[in-house]
């Protein structure tokens, strides 16, 4: 089943000239035969060592499509918004360019219809169903088919998050309504605590020698001499009645007699 029969129609993204299959880029399709069975070499003649073929691409990496295609005379000015098609030729290729092929390209997001296909026929009365006449050029007739196209939807690349990092999240994507519940947050914090506890398994733990009561006899004796005082002991030891300050405040300054 073809792309058109299956409904998945990709648009043309570029049209070009090429000398042969060796010069044709790998993402282009070379048109070597016309629809009525003739060779599609535009440099027909005896003893020609190089060719001149049309080719096209449907590679959407550039995010542009061919929205229109025309054939103009070399004496005509190129229409606004159009450009001559590219050439992938070898050094031996020589061809008369009395007529030129021009295309208009548009960003794929800005158009709904585009050129879906191009075909060639030998100059005759042959008509191609569902195709539009573009123009005749060097003994051939160029046809195009326009219409709606299928644009592949880019898929977002999933971020690779390790199981350990995923367990650190305080949010649960499957149940967003539970984010505000304290029980849910506590459960997540417990998971975090368990994660770090597991990370410390097997790590030896010991006190610094300065704080080891059994190994440090000086520190042990100092701690044994500490006396625990009650609130009453502290009040009696540090009680102060402010008697001196009160007597000084009551003194009367002597008056000076005149």
Protein backbone atom coordinates (compact mmCIF):
# COMPACT_ATOMS: atom_id res chain seq x y z
CA UNK A 1 0.00 0.00 0.00
CA UNK A 2 1.35 3.40 -1.00
CA UNK A 3 1.52 6.42 1.24
CA UNK A 4 -1.36 8.07 -0.63
CA UNK A 5 -3.55 4.96 -0.29
CA UNK A 6 -2.87 4.71 3.44
CA UNK A 7 -3.61 8.41 3.98
CA UNK A 8 -0.09 9.19 5.17
CA UNK A 9 1.12 11.67 2.54
CA UNK A 10 4.41 13.45 3.09
CA UNK A 11 5.04 16.73 1.27
CA UNK A 12 8.00 17.62 -0.91
CA UNK A 13 10.64 19.55 1.00
CA UNK A 14 13.06 20.22 -1.89
CA UNK A 15 13.42 19.83 -5.66
CA UNK A 16 16.77 19.81 -7.48
CA UNK A 17 18.72 18.95 -10.63
CA UNK A 18 21.30 16.17 -10.57
CA UNK A 19 23.63 14.56 -13.12
CA UNK A 20 23.19 10.95 -12.05
CA UNK A 21 22.44 8.70 -9.12
CA UNK A 22 25.97 9.20 -7.81
CA UNK A 23 25.53 12.96 -7.57
CA UNK A 24 22.02 12.71 -6.14
CA UNK A 25 21.93 13.24 -2.35
CA UNK A 26 20.93 10.18 -0.34
CA UNK A 27 17.68 11.76 0.91
CA UNK A 28 16.55 12.64 -2.67
CA UNK A 29 14.66 10.49 -5.17
CA UNK A 30 15.84 10.70 -8.79
CA UNK A 31 13.16 10.68 -11.53
CA UNK A 32 14.76 8.52 -14.24
CA UNK A 33 11.63 7.45 -16.18
CA UNK A 34 8.59 9.45 -17.32
CA UNK A 35 5.04 8.24 -16.72
CA UNK A 36 4.77 7.21 -20.37
CA UNK A 37 7.97 5.15 -20.25
CA UNK A 38 10.57 7.48 -21.73
CA UNK A 39 14.00 8.22 -20.24
CA UNK A 40 13.76 11.38 -18.11
CA UNK A 41 17.20 12.70 -19.04
CA UNK A 42 16.93 16.38 -20.00
CA UNK A 43 20.22 16.24 -21.95
CA UNK A 44 19.02 13.76 -24.53
CA UNK A 45 21.40 13.32 -27.43
CA UNK A 46 23.98 10.99 -28.97
CA UNK A 47 27.24 10.59 -27.09
CA UNK A 48 26.16 12.48 -23.94
CA UNK A 49 28.39 11.40 -21.05
CA UNK A 50 26.44 13.16 -18.29
CA UNK A 51 22.77 13.51 -17.50
CA UNK A 52 20.39 16.13 -16.22
CA UNK A 53 17.60 14.72 -14.06
CA UNK A 54 15.02 16.11 -11.69
CA UNK A 55 15.05 14.81 -8.14
CA UNK A 56 13.06 15.59 -5.00
CA UNK A 57 13.22 15.10 -1.24
CA UNK A 58 10.61 14.52 1.45
CA UNK A 59 12.97 14.86 4.38
CA UNK A 60 11.29 17.06 7.00
CA UNK A 61 14.42 17.70 9.08
CA UNK A 62 14.58 21.27 7.75
CA UNK A 63 10.96 21.96 8.85
CA UNK A 64 10.06 23.50 5.45
CA UNK A 65 7.87 22.22 2.61
CA UNK A 66 7.49 23.07 -1.09
CA UNK A 67 4.23 25.00 -1.21
CA UNK A 68 4.34 25.72 -4.98
CA UNK A 69 6.38 24.94 -8.11
CA UNK A 70 6.53 26.76 -11.46
CA UNK A 71 8.35 26.70 -14.79
CA UNK A 72 9.47 30.12 -16.07
CA UNK A 73 11.45 31.39 -19.04
CA UNK A 74 15.04 32.47 -18.55
CA UNK A 75 13.89 35.95 -19.69
CA UNK A 76 11.25 36.21 -16.96
CA UNK A 77 12.03 37.65 -13.58
CA UNK A 78 11.71 35.19 -10.74
CA UNK A 79 8.41 35.61 -8.83
CA UNK A 80 8.53 37.07 -5.33
CA UNK A 81 9.05 34.42 -2.68
CA UNK A 82 10.38 31.83 -5.15
CA UNK A 83 13.90 30.51 -5.73
CA UNK A 84 15.67 28.46 -8.38
CA UNK A 85 15.98 24.79 -7.49
CA UNK A 86 19.38 23.54 -6.38
CA UNK A 87 21.83 21.68 -8.60
CA UNK A 88 23.92 18.62 -7.75
CA UNK A 89 25.94 18.27 -10.99
CA UNK A 90 29.27 16.90 -12.05
CA UNK A 91 31.78 19.03 -13.94
CA UNK A 92 30.90 17.45 -17.33
CA UNK A 93 27.25 18.49 -17.27
CA UNK A 94 26.30 21.22 -19.73
CA UNK A 95 22.70 22.07 -20.47
CA UNK A 96 20.74 24.91 -22.07
CA UNK A 97 18.58 26.68 -19.48
CA UNK A 98 15.98 28.41 -21.62
CA UNK A 99 13.43 27.47 -19.01
CA UNK A 100 13.94 27.26 -15.28
CA UNK A 101 12.16 25.47 -12.44
CA UNK A 102 11.42 27.60 -9.39
CA UNK A 103 9.83 26.66 -6.06
CA UNK A 104 8.35 28.45 -3.10
CA UNK A 105 9.11 26.97 0.31
CA UNK A 106 7.22 27.64 3.54
CA UNK A 107 7.62 26.62 7.18
CA UNK A 108 5.76 23.39 7.75
CA UNK A 109 3.79 24.94 10.63
CA UNK A 110 2.50 27.82 8.45
CA UNK A 111 0.75 25.83 5.71
CA UNK A 112 -1.89 23.12 5.52
CA UNK A 113 -1.37 22.18 1.87
CA UNK A 114 1.80 21.66 -0.14
CA UNK A 115 3.23 19.93 -3.21
CA UNK A 116 2.89 16.21 -2.52
CA UNK A 117 4.43 14.78 -5.68
CA UNK A 118 5.88 15.67 -9.08
CA UNK A 119 5.90 13.59 -12.25
CA UNK A 120 7.16 13.90 -15.82
CA UNK A 121 5.66 12.91 -19.16
CA UNK A 122 7.05 13.17 -22.65
CA UNK A 123 5.50 16.08 -24.53
CA UNK A 124 2.23 14.52 -25.65
CA UNK A 125 -1.48 14.64 -25.06
CA UNK A 126 -1.18 12.35 -22.05
CA UNK A 127 -2.97 13.64 -18.93
CA UNK A 128 -2.31 12.59 -15.35
CA UNK A 129 -5.35 12.22 -13.12
CA UNK A 130 -5.28 14.29 -9.91
CA UNK A 131 -2.16 16.14 -11.15
CA UNK A 132 -1.85 19.78 -12.25
CA UNK A 133 0.07 20.91 -15.31
CA UNK A 134 3.10 22.99 -14.28
CA UNK A 135 4.81 23.62 -17.63
CA UNK A 136 6.85 22.12 -20.43
CA UNK A 137 10.63 22.17 -20.36
CA UNK A 138 13.03 20.75 -22.93
CA UNK A 139 10.66 18.20 -24.42
CA UNK A 140 9.06 17.10 -21.14
CA UNK A 141 5.92 18.11 -19.28
CA UNK A 142 6.14 18.69 -15.53
CA UNK A 143 3.12 17.85 -13.37
CA UNK A 144 2.50 18.31 -9.65
CA UNK A 145 -0.01 17.13 -7.13
CA UNK A 146 -1.03 19.41 -4.26
CA UNK A 147 -3.07 18.70 -1.16
CA UNK A 148 -3.11 18.23 2.57
CA UNK A 149 -0.16 16.40 4.04
CA UNK A 150 0.71 14.37 7.12
CA UNK A 151 3.36 15.86 9.35
CA UNK A 152 4.98 13.41 11.76
CA UNK A 153 4.45 14.53 15.34
CA UNK A 154 7.78 14.80 17.17
CA UNK A 155 7.94 12.68 20.28
CA UNK A 156 9.44 14.14 23.42
CA UNK A 157 12.43 12.18 24.61
CA UNK A 158 11.76 10.78 28.10
CA UNK A 159 14.22 11.88 30.74
CA UNK A 160 16.16 9.03 32.28
CA UNK A 161 15.68 9.30 36.05
CA UNK A 162 17.16 6.65 38.27
CA UNK A 163 14.96 4.76 40.70
CA UNK A 164 16.78 6.32 43.65
CA UNK A 165 16.22 9.89 42.41
CA UNK A 166 12.59 9.14 41.63
CA UNK A 167 12.06 8.00 45.22
CA UNK A 168 13.30 11.39 46.47
CA UNK A 169 10.40 13.26 44.86
CA UNK A 170 7.88 14.80 47.24
CA UNK A 171 5.22 14.62 44.55
CA UNK A 172 3.28 11.64 43.26
CA UNK A 173 2.33 12.17 39.58
CA UNK A 174 -0.32 9.46 39.71
CA UNK A 175 -2.25 11.28 42.45
CA UNK A 176 -1.83 15.07 42.22
CA UNK A 177 -4.76 15.64 44.54
CA UNK A 178 -2.81 14.09 47.41
CA UNK A 179 0.05 16.60 47.28
CA UNK A 180 -1.51 18.86 49.89
CA UNK A 181 -2.25 16.07 52.35
CA UNK A 182 0.21 15.98 55.29
CA UNK A 183 0.11 12.17 55.36
CA UNK A 184 1.36 12.03 51.80
CA UNK A 185 4.24 14.43 52.55
CA UNK A 186 5.19 12.46 55.68
CA UNK A 187 5.22 9.26 53.65
CA UNK A 188 7.59 10.87 51.13
CA UNK A 189 9.87 12.15 53.90
CA UNK A 190 10.00 8.67 55.39
CA UNK A 191 11.05 7.34 51.98
CA UNK A 192 13.86 9.92 51.83
CA UNK A 193 14.99 9.00 55.36
CA UNK A 194 15.03 5.33 54.48
CA UNK A 195 17.01 6.05 51.32
CA UNK A 196 19.79 7.87 53.21
CA UNK A 197 19.77 5.27 55.99
CA UNK A 198 20.30 2.54 53.43
CA UNK A 199 23.11 4.56 51.88
CA UNK A 200 24.98 4.56 55.25
CA UNK A 201 24.67 0.82 55.81
CA UNK A 202 28.08 -0.77 56.37
CA UNK A 203 29.84 2.53 57.18
CA UNK A 204 31.73 2.10 60.55
CA UNK A 205 30.78 4.62 63.26
CA UNK A 206 33.03 5.69 66.15
CA UNK A 207 33.53 8.70 68.43
CA UNK A 208 36.56 10.94 68.20
CA UNK A 209 39.13 9.96 70.87
CA UNK A 210 38.74 13.35 72.60
CA UNK A 211 35.12 12.49 73.37
CA UNK A 212 35.61 8.82 74.25
CA UNK A 213 34.99 8.55 78.02
CA UNK A 214 36.62 5.16 78.33
CA UNK A 215 39.83 6.09 76.47
CA UNK A 216 40.15 9.63 77.82
CA UNK A 217 40.67 9.54 81.62
CA UNK A 218 41.04 13.35 81.98
CA UNK A 219 37.70 14.02 80.33
CA UNK A 220 36.12 11.29 82.45
CA UNK A 221 37.36 12.85 85.71
CA UNK A 222 36.18 16.30 84.66
CA UNK A 223 32.73 15.04 83.87
CA UNK A 224 32.51 13.19 87.22
CA UNK A 225 33.26 16.44 89.15
CA UNK A 226 30.36 18.32 87.58
CA UNK A 227 27.77 19.24 90.20
CA UNK A 228 24.19 19.53 89.12
CA UNK A 229 22.60 22.56 90.84
CA UNK A 230 18.95 23.08 91.54
CA UNK A 231 17.05 26.28 90.84
CA UNK A 232 17.16 27.21 94.56
CA UNK A 233 20.94 26.70 94.67
CA UNK A 234 21.37 29.02 91.69
CA UNK A 235 19.11 31.71 93.21
CA UNK A 236 20.96 31.60 96.53
CA UNK A 237 24.37 31.74 94.89
CA UNK A 238 23.62 34.58 92.55
CA UNK A 239 21.07 36.52 94.66
CA UNK A 240 21.67 40.31 94.60
CA UNK A 241 19.48 42.81 96.50
CA UNK A 242 20.65 46.05 94.79
CA UNK A 243 20.96 47.73 98.29
CA UNK A 244 23.86 49.98 97.27
CA UNK A 245 22.02 51.22 94.19
CA UNK A 246 18.84 51.96 96.15
CA UNK A 247 20.71 53.96 98.89
CA UNK A 248 22.54 55.99 96.26
CA UNK A 249 19.30 56.85 94.59
CA UNK A 250 17.81 58.11 97.87
CA UNK A 251 20.65 60.55 98.60
CA UNK A 252 19.68 64.22 98.61
CA UNK A 253 22.04 66.55 96.82
CA UNK A 254 23.26 69.43 99.22
CA UNK A 255 21.88 72.87 98.39
CA UNK A 256 24.30 75.81 97.83
CA UNK A 257 23.58 78.84 100.12
CA UNK A 258 23.95 82.32 98.70
